[in-house]
Amino acid sequence: MKKIIDLSHIYDEKLTKYDNEDVALFRQTKFYEAHGYKETNINIDTHVGTHMDAPSHIFSGYKNVDELEIENFVGKALIIKVKNDGEMGEDILKNYEKELSNIDFIVFNTGWDRYWGEKRYYEHPYLSLNLAKKISEYSNIKAVGIDTFSVDKYGDPFLEVHKTLLRSNKIYIMENLCNIDEISKEIVEIICLPLKIKGIDGGPVRVIAIEE
């Protein structure tokens, strides 16, 4: 029997935001009493909540969300449990050499989603530059996911990990995942579906894991 795990935070106006400039607003514009139906205007930044970063998030002229092949959003994910709460080095991959050549996604389970809504969420684990370089050597990798704000250290203005991962113009990044602890297997199928909006650099995604 299949088990389906939702890896996405719910979107509401109280969701944890990266900074004060991020927006997540929901305004009802049509009402049952006046119009006979309900309709809502949604105003959100492309990098709040559970979202993806397309290559164009960092590099001008690189692929937007709608330009990534649909095959990039479905595949086998290697779930890597992270035990430290700081920088993750490339040694975290040393036990997965065989698996890394036969998967589509790498998902880091730091458990940091338990701090969602709290100040400590901003003090999250992150990838080292060497780890990002190692991942980018695998041409089969479609995406990297993590249950924190960013693959870079919070507040890092240089975003070198983002640059390293996205430079290939093939890999995208999934951030602010959740519930990864509910996955019992090391390798599972992942589906990450963004809206097909033309020309955007990222956006909300509904990410699910499927265990057979």
C-alpha atoms as a PDB file:
ATOM      1  CA  MET A   1       0.000   0.000   0.000  1.00  0.00           C
ATOM      2  CA  LYS A   2       1.322   3.426  -0.921  1.00  0.00           C
ATOM      3  CA  LYS A   3       2.080   5.996   1.742  1.00  0.00           C
ATOM      4  CA  ILE A   4       1.956   9.630   0.635  1.00  0.00           C
ATOM      5  CA  ILE A   5       3.756  12.237   2.738  1.00  0.00           C
ATOM      6  CA  ASP A   6       3.107  15.953   2.319  1.00  0.00           C
ATOM      7  CA  LEU A   7       6.424  17.823   2.475  1.00  0.00           C
ATOM      8  CA  SER A   8       4.911  21.305   2.122  1.00  0.00           C
ATOM      9  CA  HIS A   9       4.059  23.935   4.713  1.00  0.00           C
ATOM     10  CA  ILE A  10       0.606  25.459   4.570  1.00  0.00           C
ATOM     11  CA  TYR A  11       0.382  28.962   3.118  1.00  0.00           C
ATOM     12  CA  ASP A  12      -1.251  31.638   5.222  1.00  0.00           C
ATOM     13  CA  GLU A  13      -0.426  35.182   6.298  1.00  0.00           C
ATOM     14  CA  LYS A  14       1.356  33.883   9.396  1.00  0.00           C
ATOM     15  CA  LEU A  15       3.926  31.785   7.529  1.00  0.00           C
ATOM     16  CA  THR A  16       7.565  32.298   8.485  1.00  0.00           C
ATOM     17  CA  LYS A  17       9.213  34.780   6.131  1.00  0.00           C
ATOM     18  CA  TYR A  18      12.886  35.231   5.261  1.00  0.00           C
ATOM     19  CA  ASP A  19      12.746  38.988   5.894  1.00  0.00           C
ATOM     20  CA  ASN A  20      10.282  41.852   6.329  1.00  0.00           C
ATOM     21  CA  GLU A  21      10.118  42.473   2.591  1.00  0.00           C
ATOM     22  CA  ASP A  22       8.548  39.092   1.887  1.00  0.00           C
ATOM     23  CA  VAL A  23       4.825  39.186   1.222  1.00  0.00           C
ATOM     24  CA  ALA A  24       2.066  36.617   1.702  1.00  0.00           C
ATOM     25  CA  LEU A  25      -1.370  38.231   1.516  1.00  0.00           C
ATOM     26  CA  PHE A  26      -4.763  36.670   0.841  1.00  0.00           C
ATOM     27  CA  ARG A  27      -7.793  38.905   0.171  1.00  0.00           C
ATOM     28  CA  GLN A  28     -11.285  37.668  -0.530  1.00  0.00           C
ATOM     29  CA  THR A  29     -12.711  39.530  -3.518  1.00  0.00           C
ATOM     30  CA  LYS A  30     -15.976  37.691  -4.169  1.00  0.00           C
ATOM     31  CA  PHE A  31     -18.473  36.672  -1.505  1.00  0.00           C
ATOM     32  CA  TYR A  32     -21.209  34.034  -1.351  1.00  0.00           C
ATOM     33  CA  GLU A  33     -23.795  36.580  -0.187  1.00  0.00           C
ATOM     34  CA  ALA A  34     -23.110  39.167  -2.907  1.00  0.00           C
ATOM     35  CA  HIS A  35     -21.854  37.062  -5.815  1.00  0.00           C
ATOM     36  CA  GLY A  36     -22.996  33.523  -5.156  1.00  0.00           C
ATOM     37  CA  TYR A  37     -19.456  32.214  -4.955  1.00  0.00           C
ATOM     38  CA  LYS A  38     -16.110  32.836  -3.264  1.00  0.00           C
ATOM     39  CA  GLU A  39     -12.932  34.101  -4.928  1.00  0.00           C
ATOM     40  CA  THR A  40      -9.595  35.144  -3.405  1.00  0.00           C
ATOM     41  CA  ASN A  41      -6.754  37.369  -4.551  1.00  0.00           C
ATOM     42  CA  ILE A  42      -3.339  35.906  -3.703  1.00  0.00           C
ATOM     43  CA  ASN A  43      -0.290  38.145  -3.394  1.00  0.00           C
ATOM     44  CA  ILE A  44       2.877  36.245  -2.508  1.00  0.00           C
ATOM     45  CA  ASP A  45       6.579  36.519  -3.221  1.00  0.00           C
ATOM     46  CA  THR A  46       8.104  33.682  -5.211  1.00  0.00           C
ATOM     47  CA  HIS A  47      10.421  32.606  -2.395  1.00  0.00           C
ATOM     48  CA  VAL A  48       8.207  32.288   0.670  1.00  0.00           C
ATOM     49  CA  GLY A  49       6.863  29.109   2.194  1.00  0.00           C
ATOM     50  CA  THR A  50       7.729  25.786   0.589  1.00  0.00           C
ATOM     51  CA  HIS A  51       9.103  26.910  -2.756  1.00  0.00           C
ATOM     52  CA  MET A  52      11.574  26.234  -5.523  1.00  0.00           C
ATOM     53  CA  ASP A  53      14.442  28.309  -6.892  1.00  0.00           C
ATOM     54  CA  ALA A  54      14.840  28.123 -10.646  1.00  0.00           C
ATOM     55  CA  PRO A  55      18.274  28.894 -12.159  1.00  0.00           C
ATOM     56  CA  SER A  56      17.013  32.381 -13.092  1.00  0.00           C
ATOM     57  CA  HIS A  57      16.708  33.162  -9.377  1.00  0.00           C
ATOM     58  CA  ILE A  58      20.442  33.831  -9.441  1.00  0.00           C
ATOM     59  CA  PHE A  59      21.514  34.064 -13.083  1.00  0.00           C
ATOM     60  CA  SER A  60      20.078  36.425 -15.692  1.00  0.00           C
ATOM     61  CA  GLY A  61      19.064  34.632 -18.874  1.00  0.00           C
ATOM     62  CA  TYR A  62      18.947  31.226 -17.215  1.00  0.00           C
ATOM     63  CA  LYS A  63      15.882  28.970 -17.115  1.00  0.00           C
ATOM     64  CA  ASN A  64      12.696  30.147 -15.466  1.00  0.00           C
ATOM     65  CA  VAL A  65      10.267  27.752 -13.784  1.00  0.00           C
ATOM     66  CA  ASP A  66       8.192  27.297 -16.939  1.00  0.00           C
ATOM     67  CA  GLU A  67      11.291  26.481 -18.986  1.00  0.00           C
ATOM     68  CA  LEU A  68      12.336  23.479 -16.912  1.00  0.00           C
ATOM     69  CA  GLU A  69      11.288  20.160 -18.438  1.00  0.00           C
ATOM     70  CA  ILE A  70       8.312  18.519 -16.748  1.00  0.00           C
ATOM     71  CA  GLU A  71      10.434  15.396 -16.173  1.00  0.00           C
ATOM     72  CA  ASN A  72      12.541  17.435 -13.739  1.00  0.00           C
ATOM     73  CA  PHE A  73       9.697  17.520 -11.215  1.00  0.00           C
ATOM     74  CA  VAL A  74       9.329  13.762 -10.688  1.00  0.00           C
ATOM     75  CA  GLY A  75      11.949  11.223  -9.670  1.00  0.00           C
ATOM     76  CA  LYS A  76      13.776   9.184  -7.063  1.00  0.00           C
ATOM     77  CA  ALA A  77      15.084  11.057  -4.036  1.00  0.00           C
ATOM     78  CA  LEU A  78      17.859  10.106  -1.658  1.00  0.00           C
ATOM     79  CA  ILE A  79      16.932  11.205   1.860  1.00  0.00           C
ATOM     80  CA  ILE A  80      19.997  12.146   3.899  1.00  0.00           C
ATOM     81  CA  LYS A  81      19.602  12.573   7.653  1.00  0.00           C
ATOM     82  CA  VAL A  82      21.603  15.545   8.949  1.00  0.00           C
ATOM     83  CA  LYS A  83      22.871  15.312  12.519  1.00  0.00           C
ATOM     84  CA  ASN A  84      24.616  18.661  12.939  1.00  0.00           C
ATOM     85  CA  ASP A  85      23.041  22.111  13.170  1.00  0.00           C
ATOM     86  CA  GLY A  86      25.715  24.104  11.333  1.00  0.00           C
ATOM     87  CA  GLU A  87      27.580  23.763   8.071  1.00  0.00           C
ATOM     88  CA  MET A  88      27.282  20.453   6.232  1.00  0.00           C
ATOM     89  CA  GLY A  89      30.517  19.244   4.651  1.00  0.00           C
ATOM     90  CA  GLU A  90      30.964  17.024   1.615  1.00  0.00           C
ATOM     91  CA  ASP A  91      31.737  14.080   3.905  1.00  0.00           C
ATOM     92  CA  ILE A  92      27.980  13.752   4.448  1.00  0.00           C
ATOM     93  CA  LEU A  93      27.866  12.064   1.023  1.00  0.00           C
ATOM     94  CA  LYS A  94      30.667   9.542   1.609  1.00  0.00           C
ATOM     95  CA  ASN A  95      28.330   6.641   2.387  1.00  0.00           C
ATOM     96  CA  TYR A  96      26.118   7.235  -0.639  1.00  0.00           C
ATOM     97  CA  GLU A  97      28.438   6.999  -3.661  1.00  0.00           C
ATOM     98  CA  LYS A  98      26.448   4.170  -5.270  1.00  0.00           C
ATOM     99  CA  GLU A  99      23.054   5.770  -4.650  1.00  0.00           C
ATOM    100  CA  LEU A 100      24.115   9.205  -5.888  1.00  0.00           C
ATOM    101  CA  SER A 101      24.581   7.924  -9.427  1.00  0.00           C
ATOM    102  CA  ASN A 102      21.076   6.432  -9.577  1.00  0.00           C
ATOM    103  CA  ILE A 103      18.799   9.126  -8.185  1.00  0.00           C
ATOM    104  CA  ASP A 104      17.223  12.379  -9.313  1.00  0.00           C
ATOM    105  CA  PHE A 105      16.929  14.389  -6.086  1.00  0.00           C
ATOM    106  CA  ILE A 106      18.933  14.841  -2.900  1.00  0.00           C
ATOM    107  CA  VAL A 107      16.830  15.851   0.102  1.00  0.00           C
ATOM    108  CA  PHE A 108      18.513  16.867   3.347  1.00  0.00           C
ATOM    109  CA  ASN A 109      16.504  16.049   6.457  1.00  0.00           C
ATOM    110  CA  THR A 110      17.793  18.422   9.153  1.00  0.00           C
ATOM    111  CA  GLY A 111      14.602  18.283  11.231  1.00  0.00           C
ATOM    112  CA  TRP A 112      14.653  22.077  11.331  1.00  0.00           C
ATOM    113  CA  ASP A 113      11.005  22.328  10.309  1.00  0.00           C
ATOM    114  CA  ARG A 114      10.211  21.724  13.992  1.00  0.00           C
ATOM    115  CA  TYR A 115      11.277  25.330  14.578  1.00  0.00           C
ATOM    116  CA  TRP A 116       8.965  26.760  11.900  1.00  0.00           C
ATOM    117  CA  GLY A 117       7.428  29.926  13.315  1.00  0.00           C
ATOM    118  CA  GLU A 118      10.163  30.344  15.910  1.00  0.00           C
ATOM    119  CA  LYS A 119      13.223  32.589  16.024  1.00  0.00           C
ATOM    120  CA  ARG A 120      15.539  29.584  15.991  1.00  0.00           C
ATOM    121  CA  TYR A 121      14.358  28.676  12.479  1.00  0.00           C
ATOM    122  CA  TYR A 122      16.681  31.420  11.224  1.00  0.00           C
ATOM    123  CA  GLU A 123      19.727  29.654  12.728  1.00  0.00           C
ATOM    124  CA  HIS A 124      19.447  26.670  10.422  1.00  0.00           C
ATOM    125  CA  PRO A 125      21.953  24.160   9.006  1.00  0.00           C
ATOM    126  CA  TYR A 126      23.271  24.865   5.509  1.00  0.00           C
ATOM    127  CA  LEU A 127      25.434  23.379   2.778  1.00  0.00           C
ATOM    128  CA  SER A 128      29.140  24.088   2.549  1.00  0.00           C
ATOM    129  CA  LEU A 129      30.521  25.281  -0.760  1.00  0.00           C
ATOM    130  CA  ASN A 130      32.475  22.036  -1.143  1.00  0.00           C
ATOM    131  CA  LEU A 131      29.303  20.008  -0.638  1.00  0.00           C
ATOM    132  CA  ALA A 132      27.524  22.039  -3.313  1.00  0.00           C
ATOM    133  CA  LYS A 133      30.445  21.514  -5.693  1.00  0.00           C
ATOM    134  CA  LYS A 134      30.368  17.770  -5.058  1.00  0.00           C
ATOM    135  CA  ILE A 135      26.641  17.579  -5.774  1.00  0.00           C
ATOM    136  CA  SER A 136      27.027  19.568  -8.993  1.00  0.00           C
ATOM    137  CA  GLU A 137      29.436  16.924 -10.305  1.00  0.00           C
ATOM    138  CA  TYR A 138      26.536  14.478 -10.672  1.00  0.00           C
ATOM    139  CA  SER A 139      24.842  15.180 -14.013  1.00  0.00           C
ATOM    140  CA  ASN A 140      21.820  13.060 -13.051  1.00  0.00           C
ATOM    141  CA  ILE A 141      20.787  15.285 -10.125  1.00  0.00           C
ATOM    142  CA  LYS A 142      17.722  17.393 -10.945  1.00  0.00           C
ATOM    143  CA  ALA A 143      17.157  19.135  -7.616  1.00  0.00           C
ATOM    144  CA  VAL A 144      18.356  19.601  -4.059  1.00  0.00           C
ATOM    145  CA  GLY A 145      15.846  19.941  -1.230  1.00  0.00           C
ATOM    146  CA  ILE A 146      16.136  21.023   2.387  1.00  0.00           C
ATOM    147  CA  ASP A 147      13.787  21.719   5.315  1.00  0.00           C
ATOM    148  CA  THR A 148      15.275  25.158   6.068  1.00  0.00           C
ATOM    149  CA  PHE A 149      15.041  28.677   4.651  1.00  0.00           C
ATOM    150  CA  SER A 150      18.041  28.237   2.400  1.00  0.00           C
ATOM    151  CA  VAL A 151      20.851  25.992   1.214  1.00  0.00           C
ATOM    152  CA  ASP A 152      23.115  28.920   2.128  1.00  0.00           C
ATOM    153  CA  LYS A 153      23.661  30.207   5.649  1.00  0.00           C
ATOM    154  CA  TYR A 154      20.857  32.553   6.660  1.00  0.00           C
ATOM    155  CA  GLY A 155      21.675  36.146   5.707  1.00  0.00           C
ATOM    156  CA  ASP A 156      24.682  35.245   3.526  1.00  0.00           C
ATOM    157  CA  PRO A 157      24.701  37.960   0.844  1.00  0.00           C
ATOM    158  CA  PHE A 158      27.005  36.062  -1.530  1.00  0.00           C
ATOM    159  CA  LEU A 159      24.802  32.971  -2.010  1.00  0.00           C
ATOM    160  CA  GLU A 160      27.730  30.896  -3.231  1.00  0.00           C
ATOM    161  CA  VAL A 161      25.930  27.588  -2.647  1.00  0.00           C
ATOM    162  CA  HIS A 162      22.971  28.792  -4.711  1.00  0.00           C
ATOM    163  CA  LYS A 163      25.336  29.903  -7.452  1.00  0.00           C
ATOM    164  CA  THR A 164      27.201  26.601  -7.480  1.00  0.00           C
ATOM    165  CA  LEU A 165      24.057  24.472  -7.671  1.00  0.00           C
ATOM    166  CA  LEU A 166      22.152  26.620 -10.159  1.00  0.00           C
ATOM    167  CA  ARG A 167      25.050  27.414 -12.479  1.00  0.00           C
ATOM    168  CA  SER A 168      24.481  24.249 -14.524  1.00  0.00           C
ATOM    169  CA  ASN A 169      21.080  25.665 -15.567  1.00  0.00           C
ATOM    170  CA  LYS A 170      19.638  22.197 -14.885  1.00  0.00           C
ATOM    171  CA  ILE A 171      19.423  21.828 -11.117  1.00  0.00           C
ATOM    172  CA  TYR A 172      16.777  23.652  -9.083  1.00  0.00           C
ATOM    173  CA  ILE A 173      16.427  24.004  -5.306  1.00  0.00           C
ATOM    174  CA  MET A 174      13.524  23.159  -2.981  1.00  0.00           C
ATOM    175  CA  GLU A 175      13.479  25.076   0.321  1.00  0.00           C
ATOM    176  CA  ASN A 176      11.296  25.127   3.445  1.00  0.00           C
ATOM    177  CA  LEU A 177      10.306  21.482   3.129  1.00  0.00           C
ATOM    178  CA  CYS A 178       8.716  19.774   6.130  1.00  0.00           C
ATOM    179  CA  ASN A 179       7.691  16.384   7.520  1.00  0.00           C
ATOM    180  CA  ILE A 180      10.732  14.616   6.066  1.00  0.00           C
ATOM    181  CA  ASP A 181      10.976  12.612   9.302  1.00  0.00           C
ATOM    182  CA  GLU A 182       7.770  10.839   8.276  1.00  0.00           C
ATOM    183  CA  ILE A 183       9.634   9.175   5.408  1.00  0.00           C
ATOM    184  CA  SER A 184      10.809   5.750   6.534  1.00  0.00           C
ATOM    185  CA  LYS A 185      12.831   4.772   3.468  1.00  0.00           C
ATOM    186  CA  GLU A 186      16.179   6.072   2.285  1.00  0.00           C
ATOM    187  CA  ILE A 187      15.052   6.335  -1.339  1.00  0.00           C
ATOM    188  CA  VAL A 188      11.524   7.417  -2.272  1.00  0.00           C
ATOM    189  CA  GLU A 189       9.691   8.919  -5.203  1.00  0.00           C
ATOM    190  CA  ILE A 190       9.313  12.688  -5.005  1.00  0.00           C
ATOM    191  CA  ILE A 191       6.898  14.888  -6.910  1.00  0.00           C
ATOM    192  CA  CYS A 192       7.495  18.650  -6.825  1.00  0.00           C
ATOM    193  CA  LEU A 193       4.957  20.638  -8.822  1.00  0.00           C
ATOM    194  CA  PRO A 194       5.101  24.421  -9.323  1.00  0.00           C
ATOM    195  CA  LEU A 195       2.501  26.473 -11.131  1.00  0.00           C
ATOM    196  CA  LYS A 196       3.334  26.954 -14.805  1.00  0.00           C
ATOM    197  CA  ILE A 197       3.693  30.739 -14.735  1.00  0.00           C
ATOM    198  CA  LYS A 198       5.718  32.319 -17.511  1.00  0.00           C
ATOM    199  CA  GLY A 199       8.978  34.038 -16.689  1.00  0.00           C
ATOM    200  CA  ILE A 200       9.173  33.534 -12.925  1.00  0.00           C
ATOM    201  CA  ASP A 201      12.349  32.748 -10.988  1.00  0.00           C
ATOM    202  CA  GLY A 202      10.725  30.439  -8.451  1.00  0.00           C
ATOM    203  CA  GLY A 203       7.464  29.934  -6.683  1.00  0.00           C
ATOM    204  CA  PRO A 204       5.350  27.872  -4.314  1.00  0.00           C
ATOM    205  CA  VAL A 205       5.463  24.106  -4.791  1.00  0.00           C
ATOM    206  CA  ARG A 206       3.445  21.201  -3.466  1.00  0.00           C
ATOM    207  CA  VAL A 207       6.009  18.525  -2.719  1.00  0.00           C
ATOM    208  CA  ILE A 208       5.020  14.981  -1.856  1.00  0.00           C
ATOM    209  CA  ALA A 209       6.943  11.786  -1.187  1.00  0.00           C
ATOM    210  CA  ILE A 210       5.502   8.416  -2.192  1.00  0.00           C
ATOM    211  CA  GLU A 211       6.553   5.244  -0.401  1.00  0.00           C
ATOM    212  CA  GLU A 212       5.610   1.904  -1.956  1.00  0.00           C
END
